[in-house]
Amino acid sequence: MKQSSRSPVLDALYDQPGTEINARAISELVARTGMKRPVIRHVRFKPEVSVVARIVDAAGDDSADQPWWFVSYSPSETNKAGKLLKRAAETGYPVFSALLPEDPRTSVFCGPIGLDRMLFKPLKETDAVGPGGQISGTVLSYNPWRRVVFRKVRTDGSVSVVRVWAEPPTIAPLLAGLPGAGVPVLPVIGWTGHSIEQPWLDGGDLAGRVAEQPRERDALLPGVARALASVHGVDPTALVSVARRELSPRGHAGEPHLPGVAAEQALGAASNGLACFPGSLRESFDAVAEAVLRVLADQRGPDVVSHGDFSADQVVLGGDDSPYLIDFDRLKLAPVGYDLGSFVAVEMLSGRDSATAAALVESYREVPGTGDASATSVRAWTAFHLLLRVAELFRNLDPHCVEHARDRIELARMVLAGRSVTRSGDTGDTASEKAG
């Protein structure tokens, strides 16, 4: 990766701590979090600007510390580093820093979620940060500078889930119209301009349930399919109208709207995200992306209200195993194949049994009044979502990211062509083919 990364921090992250001085400096820095096995994940790289990532405890036990953020700024961005240090001094929250010995102009920093540069003010609105900068609850997911989701115990003893965003979300007011339209979503029990709070369910998510009790899959999937179909059946005009009524009394500015899926722009951005890969890999990506776009242009179908990020872990189960859909951050207008392809792609990349995705697509087709879910459409959108996830390998510091990225691109090509493949790219059955 060194020949194309153009960043000493990225080079150090991909090096082993015992082989490079800079890598050892970063390893020593993250050890100050107090985690048993701190590792850096989910890297976001802006050339000549910054490297942002999260630090998690790979020990993986229940006592693991909450994630922290990791950041490095280029010399031209020292003002942002200065603001972080100033805020740490004002709050008393810990922040640690180090210099890269082989590049003394470059500093790296890490700190707790409560000191997140973009989430600091939104978190203050929720009163969810303790004196050490830790979230007062159990952190479920964290994307530095963008979003945190945590579970907390309310004053009445009930348990809820809070999502906090750096940018004011549009989905909170839009959610207000989904229950009335027959969509099984969790009720909103509190929200601000940057957060939404909903009740916690103890039934777990669909992915976990099927993994633990595979025999229950066939009983659960028809309900999940009906839940997804109910989203697709929502009148988008009525949904926006309800959201507008919700916004007005709260003094929110701006007009709620449902963005449409922009497939060409999304794949273009994904291609740009491969700048740190060899040029030949990006050429392969672009060739498959062009083929996907050609099929989508011919098989697009009408747009409907779509979940936007549909997968088995976005379905939670109530006490009676009734499915509820969560995490509508990417709610949009798109063809029905968009959500189905997302589900198939995530199942394939997760290493789970592809029969679950195939069965979900078949269950969806059996719901009366559903839109077009042709085999060609599902395959094209599956390939689309596979391509969007190619850069994840680099961002998660996979030491074999180039090889594995080529595998994902080839997997997308074979899925689009309707060829029989397994998750590893060998011949066999694939969920997208079975769904056809």
Protein backbone atom coordinates (compact mmCIF):
# COMPACT_ATOMS: atom_id res chain seq x y z
CA MET A 1 0.00 0.00 0.00
CA LYS A 2 2.89 2.41 0.55
CA GLN A 3 3.44 3.21 -3.08
CA SER A 4 -0.05 4.67 -3.42
CA SER A 5 -1.17 5.72 0.05
CA ARG A 6 0.62 9.11 0.06
CA SER A 7 0.20 9.20 3.85
CA PRO A 8 2.74 8.29 6.54
CA VAL A 9 -0.14 7.52 8.90
CA LEU A 10 -1.69 5.03 6.51
CA ASP A 11 1.70 3.44 5.93
CA ALA A 12 2.13 3.08 9.69
CA LEU A 13 -1.34 1.60 10.16
CA TYR A 14 -0.62 -1.13 7.64
CA ASP A 15 2.83 -1.88 9.10
CA GLN A 16 3.40 -4.27 11.98
CA PRO A 17 4.26 -2.40 15.23
CA GLY A 18 7.51 -4.33 15.61
CA THR A 19 8.83 -3.49 12.15
CA GLU A 20 8.34 0.26 11.75
CA ILE A 21 9.02 3.09 14.19
CA ASN A 22 5.86 4.98 13.23
CA ALA A 23 3.72 1.86 13.67
CA ARG A 24 5.14 1.33 17.14
CA ALA A 25 4.35 4.93 18.03
CA ILE A 26 0.70 4.44 17.04
CA SER A 27 0.54 1.12 18.89
CA GLU A 28 1.85 2.77 22.05
CA LEU A 29 -0.64 5.61 21.64
CA VAL A 30 -3.76 3.43 21.38
CA ALA A 31 -2.56 1.31 24.31
CA ARG A 32 -3.19 4.37 26.47
CA THR A 33 -6.93 3.82 26.02
CA GLY A 34 -6.65 1.03 28.62
CA MET A 35 -8.23 -1.55 26.33
CA LYS A 36 -6.94 -5.11 26.54
CA ARG A 37 -6.33 -5.41 22.78
CA PRO A 38 -6.90 -2.05 21.10
CA VAL A 39 -7.14 -2.20 17.31
CA ILE A 40 -7.92 0.48 14.74
CA ARG A 41 -10.87 -0.01 12.40
CA HIS A 42 -13.06 1.86 9.94
CA VAL A 43 -10.42 4.19 8.52
CA ARG A 44 -11.54 7.25 6.56
CA PHE A 45 -8.79 8.93 4.56
CA LYS A 46 -8.95 12.41 3.04
CA PRO A 47 -5.73 12.99 1.09
CA GLU A 48 -3.74 15.96 2.38
CA VAL A 49 -6.33 16.52 5.13
CA SER A 50 -6.86 13.77 7.71
CA VAL A 51 -7.10 10.14 8.71
CA VAL A 52 -10.03 9.35 11.04
CA ALA A 53 -10.79 5.93 12.54
CA ARG A 54 -12.22 4.23 15.59
CA ILE A 55 -10.34 2.18 18.17
CA VAL A 56 -12.07 -0.96 19.46
CA ASP A 57 -11.11 -3.68 21.89
CA ALA A 58 -10.43 -6.91 20.01
CA ALA A 59 -10.59 -8.84 23.28
CA GLY A 60 -14.31 -9.04 22.59
CA ASP A 61 -15.50 -9.72 26.13
CA ASP A 62 -18.35 -8.06 27.99
CA SER A 63 -15.97 -5.89 29.97
CA ALA A 64 -14.44 -4.32 26.84
CA ASP A 65 -14.05 -0.56 26.99
CA GLN A 66 -16.12 1.66 24.73
CA PRO A 67 -14.67 2.58 21.33
CA TRP A 68 -12.47 5.66 21.06
CA TRP A 69 -11.70 7.84 18.07
CA PHE A 70 -8.33 8.10 16.36
CA VAL A 71 -7.32 11.03 14.17
CA SER A 72 -4.35 12.50 12.39
CA TYR A 73 -4.35 15.87 10.66
CA SER A 74 -2.03 17.11 7.97
CA PRO A 75 0.21 20.08 8.91
CA SER A 76 -2.24 22.40 7.15
CA GLU A 77 -5.04 21.34 9.53
CA THR A 78 -3.36 22.08 12.87
CA ASN A 79 -6.21 24.40 13.87
CA LYS A 80 -8.53 21.39 14.20
CA ALA A 81 -6.03 19.59 16.40
CA GLY A 82 -5.73 22.72 18.53
CA LYS A 83 -9.50 22.84 19.03
CA LEU A 84 -9.54 19.23 20.18
CA LEU A 85 -6.84 19.89 22.76
CA LYS A 86 -8.59 23.04 23.96
CA ARG A 87 -11.91 21.24 24.38
CA ALA A 88 -10.18 18.43 26.30
CA ALA A 89 -8.67 20.99 28.66
CA GLU A 90 -12.08 22.63 29.19
CA THR A 91 -13.95 19.39 29.88
CA GLY A 92 -11.29 17.37 31.63
CA TYR A 93 -11.87 14.49 29.22
CA PRO A 94 -8.69 12.56 28.36
CA VAL A 95 -6.97 13.02 25.03
CA PHE A 96 -3.63 11.47 24.12
CA SER A 97 -1.24 12.46 21.36
CA ALA A 98 1.99 11.29 19.80
CA LEU A 99 4.37 12.29 17.04
CA LEU A 100 5.38 9.97 14.25
CA PRO A 101 9.16 9.69 14.76
CA GLU A 102 9.89 9.32 11.05
CA ASP A 103 7.62 12.24 10.14
CA PRO A 104 7.75 14.75 13.03
CA ARG A 105 5.30 17.10 11.29
CA THR A 106 2.55 14.52 11.77
CA SER A 107 0.72 14.14 15.07
CA VAL A 108 -1.83 11.48 15.95
CA PHE A 109 -4.50 11.76 18.64
CA CYS A 110 -7.06 9.55 20.36
CA GLY A 111 -9.87 10.26 22.78
CA PRO A 112 -13.24 9.03 24.12
CA ILE A 113 -16.55 9.40 22.27
CA GLY A 114 -17.59 12.33 24.45
CA LEU A 115 -14.75 14.34 22.93
CA ASP A 116 -15.69 13.48 19.33
CA ARG A 117 -15.06 16.61 17.26
CA MET A 118 -18.43 16.57 15.45
CA LEU A 119 -20.60 14.75 18.03
CA PHE A 120 -19.53 16.77 21.07
CA LYS A 121 -22.38 19.31 20.91
CA PRO A 122 -25.11 16.84 19.83
CA LEU A 123 -24.15 14.54 22.70
CA LYS A 124 -24.48 17.40 25.16
CA GLU A 125 -28.15 17.69 24.12
CA THR A 126 -28.74 14.11 25.24
CA ASP A 127 -26.91 14.48 28.58
CA ALA A 128 -25.31 11.10 27.88
CA VAL A 129 -21.61 11.71 28.60
CA GLY A 130 -20.01 10.89 31.92
CA PRO A 131 -17.17 12.80 33.61
CA GLY A 132 -14.49 10.74 31.83
CA GLY A 133 -15.89 11.37 28.37
CA GLN A 134 -17.47 7.92 28.19
CA ILE A 135 -21.06 7.39 27.10
CA SER A 136 -23.40 6.65 30.01
CA GLY A 137 -24.71 3.44 28.49
CA THR A 138 -23.66 0.58 26.24
CA VAL A 139 -22.27 1.68 22.89
CA LEU A 140 -23.71 -0.44 20.07
CA SER A 141 -22.00 1.24 17.11
CA TYR A 142 -19.74 4.22 16.57
CA ASN A 143 -18.63 6.02 13.43
CA PRO A 144 -16.27 8.84 14.51
CA TRP A 145 -17.25 12.36 13.48
CA ARG A 146 -20.60 11.01 12.21
CA ARG A 147 -22.78 8.85 14.46
CA VAL A 148 -23.02 6.90 17.70
CA VAL A 149 -25.73 4.47 18.80
CA PHE A 150 -26.03 3.42 22.43
CA ARG A 151 -28.38 1.66 24.80
CA LYS A 152 -29.30 3.33 28.06
CA VAL A 153 -31.48 2.81 31.09
CA ARG A 154 -34.07 5.57 31.50
CA THR A 155 -35.08 7.12 34.81
CA ASP A 156 -38.22 4.93 34.93
CA GLY A 157 -36.10 1.77 34.58
CA SER A 158 -37.02 1.09 30.96
CA VAL A 159 -34.31 0.56 28.35
CA SER A 160 -34.01 2.56 25.15
CA VAL A 161 -31.72 3.02 22.16
CA VAL A 162 -30.41 6.46 21.26
CA ARG A 163 -28.92 7.41 17.90
CA VAL A 164 -26.95 10.63 17.73
CA TRP A 165 -25.80 12.18 14.45
CA ALA A 166 -23.31 14.93 13.70
CA GLU A 167 -25.54 16.24 10.92
CA PRO A 168 -29.23 16.89 11.61
CA PRO A 169 -31.06 13.83 10.25
CA THR A 170 -34.17 13.95 8.11
CA ILE A 171 -35.30 10.48 9.08
CA ALA A 172 -36.67 11.33 12.54
CA PRO A 173 -39.65 13.36 11.30
CA LEU A 174 -40.13 10.99 8.37
CA LEU A 175 -40.39 8.09 10.81
CA ALA A 176 -43.45 9.76 12.30
CA GLY A 177 -45.46 8.81 9.22
CA LEU A 178 -44.40 5.17 8.97
CA PRO A 179 -46.54 3.65 11.78
CA GLY A 180 -49.71 5.20 10.36
CA ALA A 181 -48.85 3.67 7.00
CA GLY A 182 -48.69 0.20 8.54
CA VAL A 183 -44.91 -0.11 8.72
CA PRO A 184 -43.64 -2.00 11.81
CA VAL A 185 -41.13 0.43 13.28
CA LEU A 186 -40.27 1.21 16.87
CA PRO A 187 -42.09 4.23 18.29
CA VAL A 188 -40.13 7.45 18.73
CA ILE A 189 -40.06 8.34 22.43
CA GLY A 190 -37.74 11.32 22.12
CA TRP A 191 -35.81 13.26 19.52
CA THR A 192 -33.85 16.45 19.05
CA GLY A 193 -32.37 18.03 15.99
CA HIS A 194 -29.49 15.55 16.16
CA SER A 195 -30.84 12.46 17.92
CA ILE A 196 -33.67 9.97 18.12
CA GLU A 197 -34.63 7.69 21.01
CA GLN A 198 -36.62 4.46 20.69
CA PRO A 199 -37.44 1.55 23.00
CA TRP A 200 -35.12 -1.44 23.25
CA LEU A 201 -36.39 -4.91 22.33
CA ASP A 202 -34.95 -8.03 23.96
CA GLY A 203 -35.61 -10.39 21.04
CA GLY A 204 -32.36 -9.63 19.23
CA ASP A 205 -32.01 -9.20 15.49
CA LEU A 206 -32.83 -11.53 12.63
CA ALA A 207 -29.17 -12.31 11.85
CA GLY A 208 -28.48 -13.45 15.40
CA ARG A 209 -31.68 -15.44 15.68
CA VAL A 210 -31.14 -17.36 12.45
CA ALA A 211 -27.54 -18.07 13.44
CA GLU A 212 -28.63 -19.45 16.83
CA GLN A 213 -31.87 -21.12 15.72
CA PRO A 214 -31.64 -21.86 11.98
CA ARG A 215 -34.81 -23.93 12.07
CA GLU A 216 -36.80 -20.80 12.95
CA ARG A 217 -35.78 -19.04 9.71
CA ASP A 218 -38.69 -20.24 7.56
CA ALA A 219 -41.20 -19.14 10.18
CA LEU A 220 -39.66 -15.67 10.55
CA LEU A 221 -38.98 -14.66 6.94
CA PRO A 222 -42.58 -14.24 5.71
CA GLY A 223 -43.16 -11.62 8.41
CA VAL A 224 -39.91 -9.88 7.52
CA ALA A 225 -40.92 -9.84 3.85
CA ARG A 226 -44.29 -8.32 4.71
CA ALA A 227 -42.54 -5.67 6.83
CA LEU A 228 -40.28 -4.71 3.94
CA ALA A 229 -43.20 -4.70 1.52
CA SER A 230 -45.07 -2.34 3.84
CA VAL A 231 -42.20 0.15 3.53
CA HIS A 232 -42.32 -0.11 -0.24
CA GLY A 233 -46.07 0.50 -0.18
CA VAL A 234 -45.87 3.84 1.64
CA ASP A 235 -47.14 6.91 -0.23
CA PRO A 236 -44.03 9.16 -0.34
CA THR A 237 -46.08 12.33 -0.66
CA ALA A 238 -48.13 11.50 2.43
CA LEU A 239 -44.96 10.58 4.34
CA VAL A 240 -43.35 13.93 3.63
CA SER A 241 -46.60 15.69 4.53
CA VAL A 242 -46.65 14.04 7.97
CA ALA A 243 -43.00 14.95 8.48
CA ARG A 244 -43.70 18.58 7.62
CA ARG A 245 -46.42 18.72 10.27
CA GLU A 246 -44.03 17.19 12.81
CA LEU A 247 -41.27 19.68 12.05
CA SER A 248 -43.30 22.87 12.19
CA PRO A 249 -44.23 22.97 15.92
CA ARG A 250 -40.66 22.10 16.88
CA GLY A 251 -39.22 25.08 15.03
CA HIS A 252 -37.07 22.99 12.68
CA ALA A 253 -35.88 24.71 9.55
CA GLY A 254 -35.69 23.04 6.20
CA GLU A 255 -38.02 20.95 4.10
CA PRO A 256 -38.20 17.18 4.69
CA HIS A 257 -37.65 15.16 1.55
CA LEU A 258 -36.88 11.67 0.34
CA PRO A 259 -33.73 11.55 -1.79
CA GLY A 260 -33.70 9.30 -4.80
CA VAL A 261 -31.03 6.67 -5.34
CA ALA A 262 -28.27 7.94 -7.61
CA ALA A 263 -26.64 4.71 -8.75
CA GLU A 264 -24.10 6.26 -11.09
CA GLN A 265 -22.93 8.82 -8.53
CA ALA A 266 -22.74 6.17 -5.78
CA LEU A 267 -20.57 3.87 -7.87
CA GLY A 268 -18.46 6.83 -8.97
CA ALA A 269 -17.82 7.76 -5.35
CA ALA A 270 -16.99 4.13 -4.57
CA SER A 271 -14.49 4.13 -7.44
CA ASN A 272 -12.88 7.30 -6.11
CA GLY A 273 -12.57 5.57 -2.75
CA LEU A 274 -10.19 3.08 -4.36
CA ALA A 275 -7.50 5.71 -4.88
CA CYS A 276 -5.15 3.83 -2.55
CA PHE A 277 -5.47 0.60 -4.57
CA PRO A 278 -3.48 -0.29 -7.72
CA GLY A 279 -4.84 1.34 -10.87
CA SER A 280 -5.61 -2.02 -12.49
CA LEU A 281 -8.01 -2.88 -9.67
CA ARG A 282 -9.89 0.38 -10.13
CA GLU A 283 -10.13 -0.34 -13.85
CA SER A 284 -11.71 -3.72 -13.09
CA PHE A 285 -14.11 -2.05 -10.67
CA ASP A 286 -15.15 0.55 -13.23
CA ALA A 287 -15.75 -2.10 -15.90
CA VAL A 288 -18.13 -4.06 -13.66
CA ALA A 289 -19.78 -0.85 -12.45
CA GLU A 290 -20.52 0.18 -16.04
CA ALA A 291 -22.05 -3.23 -16.69
CA VAL A 292 -24.23 -2.89 -13.57
CA LEU A 293 -25.43 0.55 -14.64
CA ARG A 294 -26.37 -0.74 -18.09
CA VAL A 295 -28.54 -3.46 -16.57
CA LEU A 296 -30.12 -1.06 -14.09
CA ALA A 297 -30.95 1.38 -16.89
CA ASP A 298 -32.85 -1.41 -18.62
CA GLN A 299 -34.33 -3.10 -15.54
CA ARG A 300 -34.74 -0.23 -13.09
CA GLY A 301 -38.47 -0.31 -12.45
CA PRO A 302 -40.48 2.34 -10.55
CA ASP A 303 -39.14 3.96 -7.40
CA VAL A 304 -40.77 3.24 -4.05
CA VAL A 305 -40.02 4.28 -0.47
CA SER A 306 -37.04 2.10 0.46
CA HIS A 307 -35.27 1.27 3.70
CA GLY A 308 -31.96 2.09 2.02
CA ASP A 309 -29.67 -0.18 4.08
CA PHE A 310 -31.71 -3.36 4.47
CA SER A 311 -30.04 -6.40 6.04
CA ALA A 312 -30.76 -9.09 8.61
CA ASP A 313 -29.33 -6.99 11.44
CA GLN A 314 -31.75 -4.16 10.64
CA VAL A 315 -34.65 -6.36 11.71
CA VAL A 316 -35.26 -6.69 15.44
CA LEU A 317 -37.73 -9.11 16.99
CA GLY A 318 -40.32 -8.44 19.63
CA GLY A 319 -41.36 -10.78 22.42
CA ASP A 320 -43.76 -12.59 20.06
CA ASP A 321 -41.12 -12.66 17.30
CA SER A 322 -42.89 -9.89 15.41
CA PRO A 323 -40.33 -8.11 13.20
CA TYR A 324 -39.60 -4.40 13.53
CA LEU A 325 -37.41 -2.50 11.08
CA ILE A 326 -34.73 -0.16 12.44
CA ASP A 327 -31.98 2.20 11.28
CA PHE A 328 -33.64 4.23 8.54
CA ASP A 329 -30.66 6.57 8.19
CA ARG A 330 -30.59 5.97 4.42
CA LEU A 331 -34.33 6.07 3.74
CA LYS A 332 -34.78 6.92 0.07
CA LEU A 333 -36.73 6.40 -3.12
CA ALA A 334 -35.45 3.40 -5.09
CA PRO A 335 -36.72 0.32 -6.95
CA VAL A 336 -37.73 -2.67 -4.80
CA GLY A 337 -34.63 -4.53 -5.98
CA TYR A 338 -32.46 -2.02 -4.14
CA ASP A 339 -33.44 -3.31 -0.69
CA LEU A 340 -33.52 -6.96 -1.75
CA GLY A 341 -30.09 -6.68 -3.36
CA SER A 342 -28.75 -5.05 -0.19
CA PHE A 343 -29.97 -7.98 1.89
CA VAL A 344 -28.45 -10.54 -0.49
CA ALA A 345 -25.09 -8.74 -0.69
CA VAL A 346 -24.71 -8.44 3.08
CA GLU A 347 -25.57 -12.12 3.54
CA MET A 348 -22.99 -13.14 0.96
CA LEU A 349 -20.22 -11.03 2.46
CA SER A 350 -21.03 -12.03 6.04
CA GLY A 351 -20.33 -15.68 5.33
CA ARG A 352 -23.82 -16.74 6.33
CA ASP A 353 -25.93 -19.37 4.59
CA SER A 354 -27.03 -17.89 1.25
CA ALA A 355 -30.31 -19.81 1.53
CA THR A 356 -31.59 -17.17 3.96
CA ALA A 357 -31.29 -14.39 1.37
CA ALA A 358 -32.86 -16.56 -1.33
CA ALA A 359 -35.76 -17.45 0.96
CA LEU A 360 -36.30 -13.80 1.87
CA VAL A 361 -36.56 -12.80 -1.80
CA GLU A 362 -39.02 -15.63 -2.47
CA SER A 363 -41.08 -14.65 0.58
CA TYR A 364 -41.16 -11.06 -0.66
CA ARG A 365 -42.49 -12.16 -4.04
CA GLU A 366 -45.32 -14.01 -2.31
CA VAL A 367 -46.57 -10.86 -0.57
CA PRO A 368 -49.64 -9.59 -2.47
CA GLY A 369 -49.18 -6.32 -4.31
CA THR A 370 -45.40 -6.15 -4.23
CA GLY A 371 -43.51 -4.49 -7.06
CA ASP A 372 -41.10 -5.94 -9.58
CA ALA A 373 -38.48 -8.21 -8.02
CA SER A 374 -37.21 -9.88 -11.19
CA ALA A 375 -34.13 -12.08 -11.02
CA THR A 376 -32.24 -9.65 -13.26
CA SER A 377 -33.09 -6.67 -11.06
CA VAL A 378 -32.13 -8.45 -7.82
CA ARG A 379 -28.84 -9.61 -9.33
CA ALA A 380 -27.99 -6.12 -10.60
CA TRP A 381 -28.70 -4.44 -7.28
CA THR A 382 -26.82 -7.20 -5.44
CA ALA A 383 -23.78 -6.53 -7.62
CA PHE A 384 -24.25 -2.81 -6.99
CA HIS A 385 -24.13 -3.29 -3.22
CA LEU A 386 -21.16 -5.64 -3.45
CA LEU A 387 -19.22 -2.97 -5.33
CA LEU A 388 -20.11 -0.31 -2.75
CA ARG A 389 -18.43 -2.50 -0.13
CA VAL A 390 -15.11 -3.06 -1.91
CA ALA A 391 -13.37 -0.15 -0.18
CA GLU A 392 -14.41 -1.48 3.25
CA LEU A 393 -11.47 -3.88 3.08
CA PHE A 394 -8.98 -1.01 2.93
CA ARG A 395 -10.82 0.95 5.61
CA ASN A 396 -10.69 -2.01 7.99
CA LEU A 397 -6.93 -2.38 7.44
CA ASP A 398 -7.20 -5.83 5.90
CA PRO A 399 -3.54 -6.71 5.17
CA HIS A 400 -4.73 -8.62 2.09
CA CYS A 401 -7.16 -5.91 1.01
CA VAL A 402 -5.98 -5.79 -2.62
CA GLU A 403 -6.46 -9.51 -3.13
CA HIS A 404 -9.78 -9.54 -1.33
CA ALA A 405 -10.98 -6.46 -3.20
CA ARG A 406 -10.34 -8.25 -6.48
CA ASP A 407 -12.40 -11.16 -5.14
CA ARG A 408 -15.34 -8.88 -4.34
CA ILE A 409 -15.22 -7.25 -7.77
CA GLU A 410 -15.16 -10.68 -9.40
CA LEU A 411 -18.02 -11.81 -7.17
CA ALA A 412 -20.07 -8.80 -8.31
CA ARG A 413 -19.29 -9.59 -11.96
CA MET A 414 -20.36 -13.21 -11.60
CA VAL A 415 -23.54 -12.31 -9.71
CA LEU A 416 -24.49 -9.80 -12.40
CA ALA A 417 -23.93 -12.43 -15.09
CA GLY A 418 -26.16 -14.88 -13.23
CA ARG A 419 -23.33 -17.34 -12.80
CA SER A 420 -23.42 -19.81 -9.95
CA VAL A 421 -20.93 -18.73 -7.30
CA THR A 422 -20.25 -19.16 -3.60
CA ARG A 423 -19.16 -16.46 -1.20
CA SER A 424 -15.53 -17.21 -1.98
CA GLY A 425 -16.10 -16.84 -5.71
CA ASP A 426 -15.87 -20.56 -6.52
CA THR A 427 -18.59 -22.41 -8.40
CA GLY A 428 -21.68 -23.38 -6.46
CA ASP A 429 -25.00 -21.80 -5.47
CA THR A 430 -25.50 -18.14 -4.78
CA ALA A 431 -28.40 -16.37 -3.14
CA SER A 432 -28.95 -14.08 -6.12
CA GLU A 433 -29.19 -17.03 -8.49
CA LYS A 434 -31.57 -18.95 -6.23
CA ALA A 435 -33.70 -15.81 -5.91
CA GLY A 436 -34.15 -15.89 -9.66
